[in-house]
C-alpha atoms as a PDB file:
ATOM      1  CA  UNK A   1     100.620  92.939  95.413  1.00  0.00           C
ATOM      2  CA  UNK A   2      99.880  96.492  96.513  1.00  0.00           C
ATOM      3  CA  UNK A   3      96.335  96.408  95.134  1.00  0.00           C
ATOM      4  CA  UNK A   4      95.625  93.690  97.730  1.00  0.00           C
ATOM      5  CA  UNK A   5      96.425  96.226 100.455  1.00  0.00           C
ATOM      6  CA  UNK A   6      95.462  99.499  98.793  1.00  0.00           C
ATOM      7  CA  UNK A   7      96.834 102.161 101.129  1.00  0.00           C
ATOM      8  CA  UNK A   8      97.588 105.325  99.162  1.00  0.00           C
ATOM      9  CA  UNK A   9     101.093 105.858 100.503  1.00  0.00           C
ATOM     10  CA  UNK A  10     102.105 102.232  99.998  1.00  0.00           C
ATOM     11  CA  UNK A  11     100.995 102.375  96.378  1.00  0.00           C
ATOM     12  CA  UNK A  12     102.761 105.664  95.730  1.00  0.00           C
ATOM     13  CA  UNK A  13     106.055 104.414  97.187  1.00  0.00           C
ATOM     14  CA  UNK A  14     105.792 101.079  95.341  1.00  0.00           C
ATOM     15  CA  UNK A  15     105.177 102.923  92.064  1.00  0.00           C
ATOM     16  CA  UNK A  16     108.143 105.235  92.690  1.00  0.00           C
ATOM     17  CA  UNK A  17     110.393 102.261  93.501  1.00  0.00           C
ATOM     18  CA  UNK A  18     109.202 100.366  90.436  1.00  0.00           C
ATOM     19  CA  UNK A  19     110.106 103.332  88.211  1.00  0.00           C
ATOM     20  CA  UNK A  20     113.548 103.594  89.810  1.00  0.00           C
ATOM     21  CA  UNK A  21     114.207  99.883  89.466  1.00  0.00           C
ATOM     22  CA  UNK A  22     113.219 100.100  85.811  1.00  0.00           C
ATOM     23  CA  UNK A  23     115.622 102.973  85.240  1.00  0.00           C
ATOM     24  CA  UNK A  24     112.880 105.579  84.828  1.00  0.00           C
ATOM     25  CA  UNK A  25     113.458 109.050  86.225  1.00  0.00           C
ATOM     26  CA  UNK A  26     110.012 110.203  85.088  1.00  0.00           C
ATOM     27  CA  UNK A  27     106.731 108.682  83.951  1.00  0.00           C
ATOM     28  CA  UNK A  28     107.608 109.463  80.313  1.00  0.00           C
ATOM     29  CA  UNK A  29     110.824 107.379  80.328  1.00  0.00           C
ATOM     30  CA  UNK A  30     110.593 103.939  78.729  1.00  0.00           C
ATOM     31  CA  UNK A  31     110.946 101.165  81.335  1.00  0.00           C
ATOM     32  CA  UNK A  32     114.123  99.110  81.203  1.00  0.00           C
ATOM     33  CA  UNK A  33     115.625  96.875  83.896  1.00  0.00           C
ATOM     34  CA  UNK A  34     118.109  98.677  86.143  1.00  0.00           C
ATOM     35  CA  UNK A  35     121.477  97.314  87.222  1.00  0.00           C
ATOM     36  CA  UNK A  36     119.924  96.441  90.600  1.00  0.00           C
ATOM     37  CA  UNK A  37     117.049  94.582  88.989  1.00  0.00           C
ATOM     38  CA  UNK A  38     119.376  92.674  86.668  1.00  0.00           C
ATOM     39  CA  UNK A  39     121.673  91.727  89.566  1.00  0.00           C
ATOM     40  CA  UNK A  40     118.747  89.893  91.219  1.00  0.00           C
ATOM     41  CA  UNK A  41     117.829  87.875  88.174  1.00  0.00           C
ATOM     42  CA  UNK A  42     118.535  84.249  89.065  1.00  0.00           C
ATOM     43  CA  UNK A  43     120.319  85.207  92.294  1.00  0.00           C
ATOM     44  CA  UNK A  44     118.799  82.293  94.215  1.00  0.00           C
ATOM     45  CA  UNK A  45     117.502  84.375  97.144  1.00  0.00           C
ATOM     46  CA  UNK A  46     114.084  83.305  98.305  1.00  0.00           C
ATOM     47  CA  UNK A  47     113.312  86.653  99.947  1.00  0.00           C
ATOM     48  CA  UNK A  48     114.985  89.968 100.596  1.00  0.00           C
ATOM     49  CA  UNK A  49     115.162  91.227 104.195  1.00  0.00           C
ATOM     50  CA  UNK A  50     112.249  93.263 105.530  1.00  0.00           C
ATOM     51  CA  UNK A  51     114.219  96.535 105.353  1.00  0.00           C
ATOM     52  CA  UNK A  52     114.218  96.120 101.562  1.00  0.00           C
ATOM     53  CA  UNK A  53     110.995  94.361 100.656  1.00  0.00           C
ATOM     54  CA  UNK A  54     108.780  96.215 103.166  1.00  0.00           C
ATOM     55  CA  UNK A  55     109.888  99.680 102.037  1.00  0.00           C
ATOM     56  CA  UNK A  56     106.522 100.509 100.363  1.00  0.00           C
ATOM     57  CA  UNK A  57     104.648  99.540 103.533  1.00  0.00           C
ATOM     58  CA  UNK A  58     106.902 101.434 105.974  1.00  0.00           C
ATOM     59  CA  UNK A  59     107.534 104.496 103.839  1.00  0.00           C
ATOM     60  CA  UNK A  60     103.902 104.408 102.681  1.00  0.00           C
ATOM     61  CA  UNK A  61     102.410 104.629 106.148  1.00  0.00           C
ATOM     62  CA  UNK A  62     104.749 107.551 106.830  1.00  0.00           C
ATOM     63  CA  UNK A  63     103.391 109.332 103.739  1.00  0.00           C
ATOM     64  CA  UNK A  64      99.825 108.597 104.865  1.00  0.00           C
ATOM     65  CA  UNK A  65     100.552 109.739 108.435  1.00  0.00           C
ATOM     66  CA  UNK A  66     102.044 113.006 107.216  1.00  0.00           C
ATOM     67  CA  UNK A  67      99.005 113.606 104.972  1.00  0.00           C
ATOM     68  CA  UNK A  68      96.634 112.828 107.857  1.00  0.00           C
ATOM     69  CA  UNK A  69      98.467 115.142 110.267  1.00  0.00           C
ATOM     70  CA  UNK A  70      98.735 117.857 107.619  1.00  0.00           C
ATOM     71  CA  UNK A  71      94.946 117.898 107.320  1.00  0.00           C
ATOM     72  CA  UNK A  72      94.557 117.828 111.101  1.00  0.00           C
ATOM     73  CA  UNK A  73      96.984 120.746 111.625  1.00  0.00           C
ATOM     74  CA  UNK A  74      95.526 122.743 108.744  1.00  0.00           C
ATOM     75  CA  UNK A  75      92.103 122.484 110.377  1.00  0.00           C
ATOM     76  CA  UNK A  76      93.635 123.398 113.740  1.00  0.00           C
ATOM     77  CA  UNK A  77      95.363 126.495 112.334  1.00  0.00           C
ATOM     78  CA  UNK A  78      92.077 127.700 110.884  1.00  0.00           C
ATOM     79  CA  UNK A  79      90.034 127.089 114.033  1.00  0.00           C
ATOM     80  CA  UNK A  80      88.879 129.172 116.938  1.00  0.00           C
ATOM     81  CA  UNK A  81      90.642 127.945 120.054  1.00  0.00           C
ATOM     82  CA  UNK A  82      89.700 130.789 122.367  1.00  0.00           C
ATOM     83  CA  UNK A  83      87.958 130.335 125.657  1.00  0.00           C
ATOM     84  CA  UNK A  84      85.343 131.574 126.017  1.00  0.00           C
ATOM     85  CA  UNK A  85      84.103 131.618 122.431  1.00  0.00           C
ATOM     86  CA  UNK A  86      81.927 134.507 121.296  1.00  0.00           C
ATOM     87  CA  UNK A  87      79.243 133.240 118.960  1.00  0.00           C
ATOM     88  CA  UNK A  88      77.583 135.917 116.876  1.00  0.00           C
ATOM     89  CA  UNK A  89      74.019 135.098 115.754  1.00  0.00           C
ATOM     90  CA  UNK A  90      73.202 138.212 113.757  1.00  0.00           C
ATOM     91  CA  UNK A  91      71.432 141.327 114.974  1.00  0.00           C
ATOM     92  CA  UNK A  92      68.154 141.971 116.700  1.00  0.00           C
ATOM     93  CA  UNK A  93      65.368 144.280 115.446  1.00  0.00           C
ATOM     94  CA  UNK A  94      67.221 147.317 116.881  1.00  0.00           C
ATOM     95  CA  UNK A  95      70.505 146.498 115.100  1.00  0.00           C
ATOM     96  CA  UNK A  96      72.213 145.241 118.218  1.00  0.00           C
ATOM     97  CA  UNK A  97      74.402 142.170 117.853  1.00  0.00           C
ATOM     98  CA  UNK A  98      72.881 138.923 119.105  1.00  0.00           C
ATOM     99  CA  UNK A  99      74.882 135.983 120.246  1.00  0.00           C
ATOM    100  CA  UNK A 100      76.286 134.089 123.134  1.00  0.00           C
ATOM    101  CA  UNK A 101      79.499 133.696 125.096  1.00  0.00           C
ATOM    102  CA  UNK A 102      80.298 130.047 125.725  1.00  0.00           C
ATOM    103  CA  UNK A 103      82.982 128.484 127.845  1.00  0.00           C
ATOM    104  CA  UNK A 104      83.894 125.306 125.999  1.00  0.00           C
ATOM    105  CA  UNK A 105      86.888 123.124 125.284  1.00  0.00           C
ATOM    106  CA  UNK A 106      88.259 124.239 121.908  1.00  0.00           C
ATOM    107  CA  UNK A 107      91.449 125.403 123.632  1.00  0.00           C
ATOM    108  CA  UNK A 108      92.342 121.763 124.438  1.00  0.00           C
ATOM    109  CA  UNK A 109      95.562 120.885 122.664  1.00  0.00           C
ATOM    110  CA  UNK A 110      94.854 117.213 122.012  1.00  0.00           C
ATOM    111  CA  UNK A 111      94.714 117.571 118.218  1.00  0.00           C
ATOM    112  CA  UNK A 112      98.130 119.250 117.741  1.00  0.00           C
ATOM    113  CA  UNK A 113      99.616 117.034 120.450  1.00  0.00           C
ATOM    114  CA  UNK A 114      98.445 113.847 118.726  1.00  0.00           C
ATOM    115  CA  UNK A 115      99.593 115.187 115.345  1.00  0.00           C
ATOM    116  CA  UNK A 116     103.073 115.901 116.757  1.00  0.00           C
ATOM    117  CA  UNK A 117     103.252 112.395 118.242  1.00  0.00           C
ATOM    118  CA  UNK A 118     102.096 110.795 115.000  1.00  0.00           C
ATOM    119  CA  UNK A 119     104.708 112.713 112.992  1.00  0.00           C
ATOM    120  CA  UNK A 120     107.488 111.807 115.455  1.00  0.00           C
ATOM    121  CA  UNK A 121     106.581 108.114 115.298  1.00  0.00           C
ATOM    122  CA  UNK A 122     106.319 108.161 111.498  1.00  0.00           C
ATOM    123  CA  UNK A 123     109.667 109.893 111.027  1.00  0.00           C
ATOM    124  CA  UNK A 124     111.270 107.492 113.511  1.00  0.00           C
ATOM    125  CA  UNK A 125     110.147 104.556 111.397  1.00  0.00           C
ATOM    126  CA  UNK A 126     111.932 106.064 108.400  1.00  0.00           C
ATOM    127  CA  UNK A 127     115.082 106.433 110.501  1.00  0.00           C
ATOM    128  CA  UNK A 128     114.737 102.889 111.830  1.00  0.00           C
ATOM    129  CA  UNK A 129     114.351 101.178 108.454  1.00  0.00           C
ATOM    130  CA  UNK A 130     117.031 103.436 106.909  1.00  0.00           C
ATOM    131  CA  UNK A 131     119.530 102.460 109.605  1.00  0.00           C
ATOM    132  CA  UNK A 132     118.907  98.801 108.771  1.00  0.00           C
ATOM    133  CA  UNK A 133     119.632  99.495 105.088  1.00  0.00           C
ATOM    134  CA  UNK A 134     122.809 101.410 105.986  1.00  0.00           C
ATOM    135  CA  UNK A 135     123.914  98.425 108.075  1.00  0.00           C
ATOM    136  CA  UNK A 136     123.330  96.095 105.137  1.00  0.00           C
ATOM    137  CA  UNK A 137     125.286  98.411 102.839  1.00  0.00           C
ATOM    138  CA  UNK A 138     128.420  98.711 105.034  1.00  0.00           C
ATOM    139  CA  UNK A 139     128.469  95.002 106.044  1.00  0.00           C
ATOM    140  CA  UNK A 140     130.562  93.347 103.358  1.00  0.00           C
ATOM    141  CA  UNK A 141     129.008  89.942 104.083  1.00  0.00           C
ATOM    142  CA  UNK A 142     125.586  91.249 103.095  1.00  0.00           C
ATOM    143  CA  UNK A 143     126.376  93.765 100.358  1.00  0.00           C
ATOM    144  CA  UNK A 144     129.353  92.109  98.613  1.00  0.00           C
ATOM    145  CA  UNK A 145     130.944  95.557  98.715  1.00  0.00           C
ATOM    146  CA  UNK A 146     134.142  96.484 100.575  1.00  0.00           C
ATOM    147  CA  UNK A 147     133.667  96.563 104.394  1.00  0.00           C
ATOM    148  CA  UNK A 148     132.441  99.990 105.464  1.00  0.00           C
ATOM    149  CA  UNK A 149     132.584 100.917 101.775  1.00  0.00           C
ATOM    150  CA  UNK A 150     136.346 101.465 101.872  1.00  0.00           C
ATOM    151  CA  UNK A 151     138.837  99.448  99.799  1.00  0.00           C
ATOM    152  CA  UNK A 152     141.773  99.756 102.174  1.00  0.00           C
ATOM    153  CA  UNK A 153     140.651  99.701 105.798  1.00  0.00           C
ATOM    154  CA  UNK A 154     142.779 100.232 108.869  1.00  0.00           C
ATOM    155  CA  UNK A 155     143.212 103.919 109.587  1.00  0.00           C
ATOM    156  CA  UNK A 156     140.444 104.738 107.085  1.00  0.00           C
ATOM    157  CA  UNK A 157     137.238 103.454 108.649  1.00  0.00           C
ATOM    158  CA  UNK A 158     135.129 104.426 105.658  1.00  0.00           C
ATOM    159  CA  UNK A 159     131.447 104.753 106.506  1.00  0.00           C
ATOM    160  CA  UNK A 160     131.647 102.782 109.755  1.00  0.00           C
ATOM    161  CA  UNK A 161     131.080 105.890 111.907  1.00  0.00           C
ATOM    162  CA  UNK A 162     128.186 106.975 109.687  1.00  0.00           C
ATOM    163  CA  UNK A 163     126.502 103.678 110.514  1.00  0.00           C
ATOM    164  CA  UNK A 164     127.382 103.975 114.225  1.00  0.00           C
ATOM    165  CA  UNK A 165     125.882 107.489 114.206  1.00  0.00           C
ATOM    166  CA  UNK A 166     122.731 106.275 112.450  1.00  0.00           C
ATOM    167  CA  UNK A 167     122.372 103.449 114.985  1.00  0.00           C
ATOM    168  CA  UNK A 168     122.853 105.830 117.924  1.00  0.00           C
ATOM    169  CA  UNK A 169     120.345 108.352 116.579  1.00  0.00           C
ATOM    170  CA  UNK A 170     117.808 105.593 115.887  1.00  0.00           C
ATOM    171  CA  UNK A 171     118.153 104.369 119.463  1.00  0.00           C
ATOM    172  CA  UNK A 172     117.774 107.926 120.775  1.00  0.00           C
ATOM    173  CA  UNK A 173     114.615 108.303 118.673  1.00  0.00           C
ATOM    174  CA  UNK A 174     113.058 105.339 120.507  1.00  0.00           C
ATOM    175  CA  UNK A 175     113.108 107.431 123.675  1.00  0.00           C
ATOM    176  CA  UNK A 176     112.034 110.660 121.986  1.00  0.00           C
ATOM    177  CA  UNK A 177     108.971 109.203 120.259  1.00  0.00           C
ATOM    178  CA  UNK A 178     107.232 108.255 123.495  1.00  0.00           C
ATOM    179  CA  UNK A 179     103.829 109.869 122.912  1.00  0.00           C
ATOM    180  CA  UNK A 180     103.716 112.997 125.062  1.00  0.00           C
ATOM    181  CA  UNK A 181      99.994 113.311 124.321  1.00  0.00           C
ATOM    182  CA  UNK A 182      99.342 110.083 126.233  1.00  0.00           C
ATOM    183  CA  UNK A 183     100.163 111.830 129.508  1.00  0.00           C
ATOM    184  CA  UNK A 184      97.660 113.829 131.512  1.00  0.00           C
ATOM    185  CA  UNK A 185      97.481 114.756 135.167  1.00  0.00           C
ATOM    186  CA  UNK A 186      94.790 116.674 136.993  1.00  0.00           C
ATOM    187  CA  UNK A 187      95.467 120.254 138.102  1.00  0.00           C
ATOM    188  CA  UNK A 188      93.550 123.279 139.425  1.00  0.00           C
ATOM    189  CA  UNK A 189      91.543 121.397 142.055  1.00  0.00           C
ATOM    190  CA  UNK A 190      90.201 119.012 139.437  1.00  0.00           C
ATOM    191  CA  UNK A 191      88.856 121.696 137.097  1.00  0.00           C
ATOM    192  CA  UNK A 192      91.672 120.911 134.641  1.00  0.00           C
ATOM    193  CA  UNK A 193      91.383 117.181 135.079  1.00  0.00           C
ATOM    194  CA  UNK A 194      92.451 116.168 131.562  1.00  0.00           C
ATOM    195  CA  UNK A 195      95.171 118.430 130.239  1.00  0.00           C
ATOM    196  CA  UNK A 196      97.053 118.454 126.939  1.00  0.00           C
END
């Protein structure tokens, strides 16, 4: 399945999940069906919900996004972002340095701004899909476990508040991941007409 959509992160997550579902904690362990895998044998479900069966795709793109932004930020940290930039071109016949002073745009913060937005969106997706899995776990009609993972409810609310907290934080993330790098407004009499 994952070879048909060969994103690196998706394949890595799928491989990791496969090992876990086969009871392997490392590549050297012999594969054997896990309790989870055995519980699905002949269960009659046509499909699992997206929060379960799309884990390689959602977690995978987060892995790929973090790798992409890591490379972008590593380049940024090893770059000249001064303005103006002094470009040395060697020395002349008298031993004096030759070069140029150039006012350019390397100071523009679009690269780190985009990287920060990409990371925020990627991490939000992990929170979003994780909240859905928490909801499935604490809902006794979906998990076949005790409601809120507590045998005797009432005063003991079990993990209900953990789910409420996860849901609240996920909703808050939706506001926080608005891409700040998408905003720009002209300043300085139009000289700084696209700011980061």
